Protein backbone atom coordinates (compact mmCIF):
# COMPACT_ATOMS: atom_id res chain seq x y z
CA MET A 1 0.05 0.03 0.00
CA GLU A 2 1.47 3.23 -1.09
CA SER A 3 1.50 6.09 1.37
CA GLY A 4 3.40 9.04 -0.42
CA ARG A 5 1.64 11.68 -2.53
CA ALA A 6 0.13 10.69 -6.01
CA ILE A 7 -0.38 13.67 -8.34
CA VAL A 8 -2.78 13.38 -11.24
CA ILE A 9 -2.31 16.02 -13.93
CA GLY A 10 -5.49 16.49 -15.80
CA ALA A 11 -9.18 16.90 -14.30
CA SER A 12 -10.56 14.77 -17.26
CA HIS A 13 -12.45 11.55 -17.67
CA ALA A 14 -9.21 9.67 -17.12
CA GLY A 15 -8.24 11.83 -14.30
CA ALA A 16 -11.47 11.36 -12.44
CA GLN A 17 -11.55 7.64 -12.83
CA LEU A 18 -7.79 7.23 -11.94
CA SER A 19 -8.03 9.26 -8.71
CA ALA A 20 -11.17 7.10 -7.58
CA SER A 21 -9.44 3.90 -8.62
CA LEU A 22 -6.32 4.75 -6.65
CA ARG A 23 -8.45 4.68 -3.52
CA GLN A 24 -10.07 1.43 -4.64
CA GLU A 25 -6.74 -0.21 -5.14
CA GLY A 26 -5.53 0.97 -1.70
CA TRP A 27 -3.49 3.98 -2.08
CA ALA A 28 -3.40 5.40 1.52
CA GLY A 29 -1.46 8.62 0.75
CA GLU A 30 -2.49 12.01 -0.57
CA ILE A 31 -4.09 12.30 -3.96
CA LEU A 32 -3.80 15.56 -5.65
CA VAL A 33 -5.48 16.25 -8.94
CA ILE A 34 -4.32 19.37 -10.89
CA GLY A 35 -6.53 20.64 -13.66
CA ASP A 36 -6.48 23.87 -15.70
CA GLU A 37 -10.32 24.26 -15.65
CA GLY A 38 -11.98 25.80 -12.69
CA ALA A 39 -14.51 22.85 -12.39
CA LEU A 40 -14.49 19.29 -11.18
CA PRO A 41 -14.21 16.54 -13.84
CA TYR A 42 -17.39 16.53 -16.05
CA HIS A 43 -18.69 14.37 -18.95
CA ARG A 44 -17.66 15.94 -22.28
CA PRO A 45 -19.69 14.01 -24.77
CA PRO A 46 -22.89 15.84 -23.72
CA LEU A 47 -21.12 19.22 -24.38
CA SER A 48 -22.14 19.15 -28.13
CA LYS A 49 -25.54 17.79 -27.30
CA THR A 50 -27.55 18.50 -24.08
CA TYR A 51 -25.33 21.16 -22.84
CA LEU A 52 -25.20 23.09 -26.14
CA SER A 53 -29.10 22.91 -26.28
CA GLY A 54 -29.38 24.19 -22.69
CA LYS A 55 -31.01 20.92 -21.50
CA SER A 56 -28.20 20.33 -18.87
CA SER A 57 -26.08 22.39 -16.70
CA LEU A 58 -22.32 21.77 -15.87
CA ASP A 59 -23.43 20.49 -12.43
CA ASP A 60 -25.70 17.88 -14.18
CA LEU A 61 -22.57 16.71 -16.26
CA LEU A 62 -20.16 16.18 -13.18
CA ILE A 63 -18.79 12.66 -13.41
CA ARG A 64 -18.96 12.34 -9.61
CA PRO A 65 -20.41 14.83 -7.03
CA PRO A 66 -18.11 16.96 -4.87
CA GLY A 67 -18.95 14.99 -1.77
CA PHE A 68 -17.36 11.87 -3.34
CA TYR A 69 -13.96 13.43 -3.55
CA GLU A 70 -14.23 14.80 -0.04
CA LYS A 71 -15.15 11.44 1.26
CA GLN A 72 -12.25 9.84 -0.49
CA ASN A 73 -9.88 12.70 0.54
CA ILE A 74 -9.08 13.53 -3.13
CA THR A 75 -7.85 17.08 -3.50
CA PHE A 76 -8.21 19.35 -6.54
CA ARG A 77 -6.16 22.29 -7.54
CA HIS A 78 -6.92 24.71 -10.26
CA ALA A 79 -3.66 25.30 -11.91
CA ARG A 80 -1.42 24.64 -14.99
CA VAL A 81 1.61 22.43 -14.68
CA ALA A 82 4.70 24.03 -16.29
CA ALA A 83 7.20 21.34 -15.86
CA ILE A 84 8.13 17.90 -14.59
CA ASP A 85 11.44 17.05 -13.04
CA ARG A 86 11.74 13.37 -13.11
CA GLN A 87 14.89 13.35 -11.14
CA ALA A 88 13.59 15.33 -8.24
CA ARG A 89 10.08 13.83 -8.64
CA THR A 90 8.51 17.16 -8.60
CA VAL A 91 6.09 19.09 -10.69
CA THR A 92 6.32 22.97 -11.06
CA LEU A 93 3.19 25.06 -11.52
CA SER A 94 2.98 28.00 -13.70
CA ASP A 95 2.83 30.27 -10.55
CA GLY A 96 6.23 28.78 -9.49
CA ASP A 97 5.12 26.37 -6.85
CA GLU A 98 6.87 22.97 -6.72
CA ILE A 99 5.09 19.93 -5.46
CA GLY A 100 6.75 16.53 -4.95
CA TYR A 101 5.22 13.19 -6.00
CA GLU A 102 5.63 9.60 -5.07
CA LYS A 103 3.88 8.62 -8.38
CA LEU A 104 2.65 10.67 -11.17
CA ALA A 105 -0.13 10.24 -13.68
CA LEU A 106 -0.60 12.20 -16.89
CA CYS A 107 -4.24 12.50 -17.95
CA VAL A 108 -3.80 15.60 -20.04
CA GLY A 109 -6.04 14.82 -22.96
CA ALA A 110 -5.94 16.48 -26.32
CA ARG A 111 -6.80 19.92 -27.79
CA PRO A 112 -8.60 20.96 -30.90
CA ARG A 113 -6.46 20.94 -34.04
CA LEU A 114 -6.24 24.50 -35.26
CA LEU A 115 -6.90 25.73 -38.74
CA ALA A 116 -4.01 27.43 -40.39
CA ILE A 117 -6.05 29.85 -42.54
CA GLU A 118 -6.67 33.52 -42.49
CA GLY A 119 -9.60 34.75 -40.30
CA VAL A 120 -9.71 32.14 -37.47
CA GLU A 121 -9.08 34.95 -35.03
CA LEU A 122 -12.32 36.67 -35.97
CA ALA A 123 -15.11 37.14 -33.34
CA GLY A 124 -17.57 34.39 -34.01
CA VAL A 125 -15.15 31.64 -34.80
CA HIS A 126 -15.12 28.78 -32.29
CA TYR A 127 -13.58 25.51 -31.53
CA LEU A 128 -15.37 23.03 -29.51
CA ARG A 129 -13.53 21.10 -26.62
CA ASP A 130 -14.63 22.22 -23.13
CA ALA A 131 -17.54 23.90 -21.38
CA ALA A 132 -16.08 27.38 -21.87
CA ASP A 133 -16.21 26.75 -25.62
CA ILE A 134 -19.84 25.87 -25.46
CA GLU A 135 -20.60 28.92 -23.45
CA ARG A 136 -19.16 31.14 -26.04
CA ILE A 137 -21.05 29.40 -28.76
CA ARG A 138 -24.25 29.65 -27.07
CA GLY A 139 -23.70 33.28 -26.41
CA GLY A 140 -23.13 33.79 -30.16
CA LEU A 141 -26.25 31.73 -31.20
CA SER A 142 -28.60 34.40 -29.87
CA ASP A 143 -27.56 36.78 -32.78
CA ALA A 144 -26.95 34.06 -35.41
CA ASN A 145 -29.12 32.94 -38.28
CA ARG A 146 -26.47 31.04 -40.34
CA VAL A 147 -23.93 28.67 -38.81
CA VAL A 148 -21.03 27.03 -40.76
CA ILE A 149 -19.39 23.92 -39.27
CA ILE A 150 -15.90 23.08 -40.68
CA GLY A 151 -15.39 19.38 -40.49
CA ALA A 152 -17.79 16.43 -40.94
CA GLY A 153 -16.39 14.10 -38.31
CA TYR A 154 -18.40 13.01 -35.24
CA ILE A 155 -17.98 16.32 -33.57
CA GLY A 156 -18.98 18.28 -36.46
CA LEU A 157 -22.11 16.15 -37.20
CA GLU A 158 -23.15 16.00 -33.48
CA THR A 159 -23.04 19.73 -33.34
CA ALA A 160 -25.00 20.13 -36.48
CA ALA A 161 -27.69 17.81 -35.05
CA SER A 162 -27.81 19.78 -31.87
CA LEU A 163 -28.18 22.98 -33.57
CA ARG A 164 -31.02 21.78 -36.02
CA THR A 165 -32.71 20.23 -32.93
CA LEU A 166 -32.56 23.70 -31.24
CA GLY A 167 -34.12 25.21 -34.43
CA GLY A 168 -33.85 28.85 -35.55
CA VAL A 169 -30.58 28.54 -37.58
CA GLU A 170 -29.42 27.38 -40.86
CA VAL A 171 -26.53 24.86 -40.70
CA THR A 172 -23.99 24.25 -43.32
CA VAL A 173 -21.29 21.46 -42.85
CA LEU A 174 -18.02 21.75 -45.01
CA GLU A 175 -15.86 18.64 -45.37
CA THR A 176 -12.68 18.40 -47.33
CA ALA A 177 -13.07 14.52 -47.93
CA GLU A 178 -15.35 13.18 -50.44
CA ARG A 179 -17.80 12.04 -47.86
CA VAL A 180 -18.64 12.50 -44.16
CA LEU A 181 -16.94 10.29 -41.58
CA GLN A 182 -14.57 9.00 -44.36
CA ARG A 183 -11.73 8.31 -42.08
CA VAL A 184 -13.76 6.13 -39.59
CA THR A 185 -16.67 4.43 -41.54
CA ALA A 186 -17.63 2.50 -44.59
CA PRO A 187 -19.15 4.34 -47.52
CA GLU A 188 -22.61 2.81 -46.57
CA VAL A 189 -22.53 4.46 -43.11
CA SER A 190 -21.34 7.79 -44.54
CA THR A 191 -24.20 7.77 -47.07
CA PHE A 192 -26.70 7.00 -44.32
CA TYR A 193 -25.50 9.88 -42.10
CA ALA A 194 -25.49 12.27 -45.00
CA ARG A 195 -28.99 11.28 -45.94
CA VAL A 196 -30.28 11.69 -42.35
CA HIS A 197 -28.67 15.18 -41.90
CA ARG A 198 -29.99 16.39 -45.22
CA GLU A 199 -33.50 15.19 -44.16
CA GLU A 200 -33.05 17.21 -41.08
CA GLY A 201 -32.32 20.42 -43.05
CA VAL A 202 -28.47 20.49 -42.80
CA GLU A 203 -26.65 21.52 -45.98
CA LEU A 204 -23.68 19.17 -46.46
CA ARG A 205 -20.79 20.12 -48.73
CA THR A 206 -18.20 17.56 -49.26
CA GLY A 207 -15.07 17.61 -51.40
CA VAL A 208 -14.54 21.31 -50.69
CA THR A 209 -11.55 23.18 -49.48
CA VAL A 210 -11.78 26.10 -46.99
CA GLU A 211 -9.52 28.97 -48.16
CA ALA A 212 -10.23 31.64 -45.52
CA ILE A 213 -12.82 32.87 -42.94
CA GLU A 214 -13.80 36.48 -43.86
CA GLY A 215 -15.15 39.36 -41.88
CA ASP A 216 -14.30 42.77 -40.35
CA GLU A 217 -13.98 42.39 -36.61
CA ARG A 218 -16.62 39.71 -36.76
CA VAL A 219 -17.08 36.73 -39.09
CA ARG A 220 -19.39 37.03 -42.10
CA GLY A 221 -18.55 34.11 -44.27
CA VAL A 222 -16.24 31.17 -45.27
CA ARG A 223 -14.41 31.47 -48.46
CA LEU A 224 -13.86 28.22 -50.47
CA ALA A 225 -10.89 27.48 -52.68
CA ASP A 226 -13.11 27.95 -55.71
CA GLY A 227 -14.01 31.41 -54.69
CA GLU A 228 -17.51 30.76 -53.39
CA LEU A 229 -18.40 32.72 -50.17
CA ILE A 230 -20.76 30.87 -47.85
CA GLU A 231 -22.32 33.39 -45.53
CA ALA A 232 -22.00 32.82 -41.74
CA ASP A 233 -22.80 34.57 -38.60
CA LEU A 234 -21.01 31.90 -36.58
CA VAL A 235 -18.44 29.35 -37.48
CA ILE A 236 -17.53 26.11 -35.51
CA VAL A 237 -14.33 24.42 -36.31
CA GLY A 238 -14.10 20.57 -35.69
CA VAL A 239 -11.24 19.13 -37.60
CA GLY A 240 -9.77 16.67 -35.10
CA VAL A 241 -7.57 16.92 -32.06
CA VAL A 242 -3.91 16.86 -31.17
CA PRO A 243 -2.59 15.01 -28.02
CA ASN A 244 -1.07 17.28 -25.28
CA THR A 245 2.39 15.66 -25.10
CA GLU A 246 4.42 18.82 -24.57
CA LEU A 247 4.91 18.25 -20.77
CA ALA A 248 5.98 14.55 -21.33
CA GLU A 249 8.36 15.42 -24.17
CA ALA A 250 10.06 18.15 -22.12
CA ALA A 251 10.52 15.69 -19.32
CA GLY A 252 12.25 13.18 -21.70
CA LEU A 253 9.32 10.63 -21.79
CA SER A 254 8.84 8.58 -24.91
CA VAL A 255 6.36 10.10 -27.22
CA ASP A 256 4.88 8.91 -30.57
CA ASN A 257 1.48 10.20 -31.49
CA GLY A 258 0.87 10.42 -27.82
CA ILE A 259 2.55 9.64 -24.62
CA VAL A 260 3.89 5.97 -25.17
CA ILE A 261 2.62 3.51 -22.52
CA ASP A 262 2.93 -0.30 -22.19
CA GLY A 263 0.02 -2.51 -21.59
CA ALA A 264 -0.04 -1.55 -17.90
CA SER A 265 -0.32 2.17 -18.61
CA LEU A 266 3.31 2.80 -17.71
CA THR A 267 5.49 5.34 -19.55
CA SER A 268 9.04 5.05 -20.08
CA ASP A 269 9.57 6.28 -16.43
CA PRO A 270 8.63 3.62 -13.83
CA ASP A 271 7.08 6.27 -11.57
CA ILE A 272 4.81 7.80 -14.18
CA VAL A 273 1.75 6.40 -16.00
CA ALA A 274 -0.55 8.02 -18.57
CA ALA A 275 -4.12 7.34 -19.53
CA GLY A 276 -6.80 8.60 -21.96
CA ASP A 277 -6.64 10.58 -25.25
CA CYS A 278 -2.99 11.58 -24.62
CA ALA A 279 -1.69 8.06 -24.46
CA SER A 280 -0.72 5.66 -27.26
CA TYR A 281 -0.15 1.92 -26.83
CA PHE A 282 0.16 -1.35 -28.67
CA ILE A 283 -3.16 -3.16 -29.14
CA PRO A 284 -2.40 -6.89 -29.71
CA ARG A 285 -5.83 -7.62 -30.97
CA TYR A 286 -5.30 -5.27 -33.91
CA ASP A 287 -1.44 -5.75 -33.97
CA ARG A 288 -1.10 -1.89 -34.02
CA HIS A 289 0.27 1.00 -32.02
CA LEU A 290 -2.67 3.35 -31.62
CA ARG A 291 -4.09 6.33 -29.77
CA LEU A 292 -7.71 6.27 -29.05
CA GLU A 293 -10.04 9.08 -28.36
CA SER A 294 -13.01 7.86 -26.33
CA VAL A 295 -14.57 7.87 -22.84
CA PRO A 296 -14.53 4.04 -22.40
CA ASN A 297 -10.89 3.90 -23.47
CA ALA A 298 -9.97 6.64 -20.88
CA GLY A 299 -11.76 4.71 -18.14
CA GLU A 300 -10.09 1.52 -18.86
CA HIS A 301 -6.60 3.04 -19.08
CA ALA A 302 -7.21 4.92 -15.76
CA LYS A 303 -8.23 1.78 -13.91
CA VAL A 304 -5.10 -0.15 -15.15
CA ALA A 305 -2.85 2.90 -14.34
CA ALA A 306 -4.17 3.15 -10.81
CA ALA A 307 -3.52 -0.45 -10.18
CA THR A 308 0.09 -0.04 -11.72
CA MET A 309 0.72 3.03 -9.41
CA CYS A 310 -0.20 0.76 -6.47
CA GLY A 311 2.14 -2.10 -7.29
CA LYS A 312 -0.69 -4.23 -8.75
CA PRO A 313 -0.12 -4.13 -12.54
CA LYS A 314 -2.86 -5.29 -14.67
CA THR A 315 -3.19 -5.21 -18.53
CA ILE A 316 -5.31 -3.02 -20.82
CA SER A 317 -7.61 -5.57 -22.30
CA ALA A 318 -11.02 -4.13 -23.04
CA LEU A 319 -12.15 -4.10 -26.66
CA PRO A 320 -12.20 -0.45 -27.88
CA TRP A 321 -15.79 0.87 -28.24
CA PHE A 322 -17.30 4.28 -28.88
CA TRP A 323 -20.63 6.01 -29.40
CA SER A 324 -22.15 8.96 -31.01
CA ASP A 325 -25.60 10.59 -30.51
CA GLN A 326 -27.17 12.42 -33.38
CA TYR A 327 -30.91 13.30 -33.49
CA GLU A 328 -32.57 10.21 -32.24
CA LEU A 329 -29.75 8.05 -33.56
CA LYS A 330 -27.64 6.04 -31.14
CA LEU A 331 -24.59 4.85 -32.85
CA GLN A 332 -22.56 2.22 -30.99
CA ILE A 333 -19.19 1.21 -32.38
CA ALA A 334 -17.48 -2.05 -31.36
CA GLY A 335 -13.70 -2.58 -32.17
CA LEU A 336 -11.68 -0.90 -34.89
CA ASN A 337 -12.25 -1.22 -38.59
CA ASP A 338 -8.74 -0.48 -39.71
CA GLY A 339 -7.78 -2.71 -42.73
CA TYR A 340 -11.27 -4.18 -43.33
CA ASP A 341 -11.82 -5.83 -46.71
CA ASN A 342 -15.52 -6.47 -46.65
CA VAL A 343 -18.71 -5.33 -44.94
CA VAL A 344 -22.03 -7.09 -44.00
CA LEU A 345 -25.03 -4.97 -43.67
CA ARG A 346 -27.98 -6.10 -41.42
CA GLY A 347 -30.92 -3.82 -42.18
CA ASP A 348 -31.18 -1.09 -44.84
CA PRO A 349 -29.15 2.02 -44.41
CA ASP A 350 -30.87 3.61 -47.51
CA SER A 351 -34.24 3.76 -45.80
CA GLY A 352 -35.32 4.03 -42.15
CA ARG A 353 -32.88 4.88 -39.34
CA SER A 354 -31.78 1.48 -37.81
CA PHE A 355 -29.22 -0.90 -39.28
CA ALA A 356 -25.81 -2.45 -38.37
CA CYS A 357 -22.66 -2.50 -40.55
CA PHE A 358 -20.17 -5.38 -39.52
CA TYR A 359 -16.59 -5.10 -40.80
CA PHE A 360 -14.63 -8.16 -41.81
CA LYS A 361 -10.99 -8.81 -42.47
CA GLN A 362 -9.92 -12.03 -44.05
CA ASP A 363 -13.41 -13.58 -42.93
CA GLU A 364 -12.94 -12.38 -39.33
CA MET A 365 -15.18 -9.71 -37.85
CA ILE A 366 -13.04 -6.82 -36.48
CA ALA A 367 -15.51 -4.21 -35.93
CA ALA A 368 -19.14 -3.06 -36.12
CA ASP A 369 -21.23 0.19 -36.42
CA CYS A 370 -24.70 -0.29 -34.92
CA VAL A 371 -27.32 2.40 -35.40
CA ASN A 372 -30.23 1.98 -32.93
CA ARG A 373 -29.29 -1.74 -32.83
CA PRO A 374 -28.19 -2.56 -29.24
CA LYS A 375 -28.51 -6.21 -29.67
CA GLU A 376 -26.26 -6.20 -32.64
CA PHE A 377 -23.83 -4.07 -30.69
CA MET A 378 -23.62 -6.61 -27.86
CA PHE A 379 -23.49 -9.49 -30.31
CA SER A 380 -20.54 -7.96 -32.22
CA ARG A 381 -18.62 -7.22 -29.03
CA ARG A 382 -18.67 -10.84 -28.15
CA VAL A 383 -17.87 -12.12 -31.60
CA ILE A 384 -14.92 -9.69 -31.99
CA ASN A 385 -13.52 -10.39 -28.40
CA GLU A 386 -13.74 -14.13 -28.78
CA ARG A 387 -12.89 -14.17 -32.41
CA LEU A 388 -15.80 -16.38 -33.27
CA PRO A 389 -16.45 -17.36 -36.97
CA ILE A 390 -19.88 -16.11 -38.14
CA ASP A 391 -21.77 -17.17 -41.32
CA ARG A 392 -22.14 -13.81 -43.17
CA ASN A 393 -25.11 -14.79 -45.16
CA GLN A 394 -27.07 -15.56 -42.12
CA LEU A 395 -25.82 -12.34 -40.37
CA ALA A 396 -27.05 -10.20 -43.30
CA ASP A 397 -30.49 -11.70 -42.82
CA PRO A 398 -32.47 -9.44 -40.42
CA GLU A 399 -34.92 -12.42 -39.62
CA SER A 400 -32.06 -14.62 -38.56
CA SER A 401 -31.50 -14.99 -34.76
CA LEU A 402 -28.26 -13.58 -33.32
CA SER A 403 -28.28 -15.89 -30.45
CA GLU A 404 -28.70 -18.79 -32.82
CA LEU A 405 -25.78 -17.58 -34.97
CA LEU A 406 -23.67 -17.78 -31.85
CA LYS A 407 -24.66 -21.44 -31.08
CA ALA A 408 -24.64 -22.79 -34.62
CA PRO A 409 -21.58 -24.54 -36.01
CA GLN A 410 -20.07 -22.28 -38.60
CA SER A 411 -19.37 -23.28 -42.11
CA GLU A 412 -17.30 -21.33 -44.55
CA SER A 413 -18.12 -17.70 -44.66
CA ALA A 414 -19.73 -16.45 -47.96
């Protein structure tokens, strides 16, 4: 049982879970969480949904109530960490304070990728990552009739859905790729989401390049590379994120598209762990070194990291999974579809709003996108985890029983 001070940098999803798990694993000493926001850790996925629409407050989004941290003797400090001294085992805050640690956890997350174009500094141009960003967007919506969203990834599409649900504003989404969600889904899934958003009144423009954002002191439009100006009273940029690795790099830790950790969440320093969006690690199931951006991933990392800090190393083993809420659609994603060579559809993505897309690689299911299909989601998690062979012809038949598919001896896949 450790009795020194554990410092967690980052009041994030990972930071909240790690601090709680430290107590569960038996850490008896001080636990200090240092975060650069003036709030306790809160759920971030609802920011672009219920929080943007005004249906929830920041208190509603707290991962745990204040009383939990008080009872567990977990202390929070609102500050920014400027440096880590691994030899002295201290962190230096931006105000000059130095604090010693026995063990250190980096849960520093990621930040929005910035657009390198003219006009991004204009009033009315926003990125979306934290509650303060949403507050600024909500403040600008009162005088906005036309909103342009740059980026048709999950954040961009979720924001578009929230704005259309709110009503009162025209929404245009601009995407450089030839289809929405091109980096993360099959064409069939992209076509489905494009159809739904257009049915909900969103103007989608794919295969376009943003040249500049124009205005005087305030934004008035987005200029495309072909010269067209799309008028806008408010612009939201959602073109991905960049892991916050600067502290780790300056401290001499191994970094490669994130802070490199092993299967026990340990960095290249035996006294420092990392967890969440900032960390990259080797996933044996997919034979790749990856950095994942998801709440479930952050929670899994954090639990393993806490055990490692307490001298009880475990292994990151949970299958990656994700979700996205848009309109009444609940998308649940199991696994990673990198390298897929075939897909099987269960249900019709061209009509209605419920179907599943299963990704196969060399006849093995590696991932699934399930839209309003919770049974298919649970089914796919088991199949992918246990690497079960599945008859693809039967899988594609919506009348076939998923439970019977799991029981039946499998012949060659079609």
